[in-house]
């Protein structure tokens, strides 16, 4: 219920600034939490609420729920759509 209220408030204040493509959401959070990253082109580009997650754990947990996986090689993070 609180999440719905939060989304309603974000959309009613300025819907254009509050929603970004999924790739932008991943990029902004990866800049803050991963630093060096690559986003695969196969990730769908549907709208996502523009939120910078509090920490890396929350960011990765959310990605897991929407079918995006990450892998790490050295200091590099790779973001791909999960295979079905």
Protein backbone atom coordinates (compact mmCIF):
# COMPACT_ATOMS: atom_id res chain seq x y z
CA UNK A 1 0.00 0.00 0.00
CA UNK A 2 2.83 2.38 0.87
CA UNK A 3 4.57 1.53 -2.40
CA UNK A 4 1.45 2.43 -4.38
CA UNK A 5 1.17 5.72 -2.53
CA UNK A 6 4.84 6.43 -3.25
CA UNK A 7 4.38 5.74 -6.97
CA UNK A 8 1.24 7.88 -7.06
CA UNK A 9 3.06 10.80 -5.47
CA UNK A 10 5.99 10.50 -7.86
CA UNK A 11 3.76 10.39 -10.92
CA UNK A 12 1.54 13.24 -9.80
CA UNK A 13 4.40 15.63 -9.10
CA UNK A 14 6.22 15.39 -12.42
CA UNK A 15 5.68 12.14 -14.31
CA UNK A 16 8.21 12.85 -17.05
CA UNK A 17 11.16 13.33 -14.67
CA UNK A 18 10.13 10.50 -12.35
CA UNK A 19 10.16 7.71 -14.93
CA UNK A 20 13.23 6.69 -16.91
CA UNK A 21 14.00 3.78 -19.25
CA UNK A 22 15.21 0.63 -17.47
CA UNK A 23 18.68 0.98 -19.00
CA UNK A 24 18.97 4.49 -17.52
CA UNK A 25 17.87 3.20 -14.11
CA UNK A 26 20.53 0.46 -14.27
CA UNK A 27 23.17 2.90 -15.48
CA UNK A 28 22.52 5.47 -12.74
CA UNK A 29 22.60 2.84 -10.00
CA UNK A 30 25.64 1.10 -11.52
CA UNK A 31 27.53 4.41 -11.53
CA UNK A 32 26.84 4.75 -7.82
CA UNK A 33 27.34 1.14 -6.72
CA UNK A 34 29.50 -0.67 -9.32
CA UNK A 35 31.58 2.04 -11.04
CA UNK A 36 32.72 -0.04 -14.05
CA UNK A 37 29.89 -1.79 -15.88
CA UNK A 38 28.45 -2.92 -19.21
CA UNK A 39 24.72 -3.09 -20.00
CA UNK A 40 23.85 -5.62 -22.68
CA UNK A 41 21.59 -4.41 -25.49
CA UNK A 42 19.10 -7.26 -24.94
CA UNK A 43 17.67 -5.57 -21.84
CA UNK A 44 14.16 -4.27 -22.56
CA UNK A 45 13.73 -0.52 -22.29
CA UNK A 46 10.46 -0.17 -20.42
CA UNK A 47 9.83 2.71 -17.97
CA UNK A 48 11.03 2.48 -14.38
CA UNK A 49 10.61 4.85 -11.45
CA UNK A 50 13.78 6.92 -11.26
CA UNK A 51 15.23 5.88 -7.88
CA UNK A 52 18.82 5.63 -6.76
CA UNK A 53 18.88 2.53 -4.53
CA UNK A 54 20.37 2.89 -1.03
CA UNK A 55 22.98 0.19 -1.53
CA UNK A 56 24.28 -2.41 -3.97
CA UNK A 57 22.37 -5.24 -2.28
CA UNK A 58 18.99 -3.52 -2.78
CA UNK A 59 19.90 -2.73 -6.40
CA UNK A 60 20.82 -6.33 -7.24
CA UNK A 61 17.78 -7.72 -5.41
CA UNK A 62 15.45 -5.51 -7.45
CA UNK A 63 17.13 -6.51 -10.72
CA UNK A 64 16.66 -10.16 -9.82
CA UNK A 65 12.90 -9.64 -9.39
CA UNK A 66 12.53 -8.15 -12.88
CA UNK A 67 14.61 -10.74 -14.74
CA UNK A 68 17.94 -8.96 -15.03
CA UNK A 69 21.07 -10.79 -13.96
CA UNK A 70 24.51 -9.46 -13.20
CA UNK A 71 27.91 -11.04 -13.27
CA UNK A 72 31.26 -9.75 -12.14
CA UNK A 73 34.64 -10.29 -13.76
CA UNK A 74 37.41 -8.55 -11.89
CA UNK A 75 36.09 -5.05 -11.22
CA UNK A 76 33.66 -5.13 -14.16
CA UNK A 77 29.91 -5.75 -13.76
CA UNK A 78 27.85 -7.06 -16.67
CA UNK A 79 24.06 -6.71 -16.81
CA UNK A 80 22.05 -9.08 -19.02
CA UNK A 81 18.50 -10.33 -19.34
CA UNK A 82 18.07 -13.72 -17.65
CA UNK A 83 17.71 -16.73 -19.91
CA UNK A 84 14.29 -18.30 -19.63
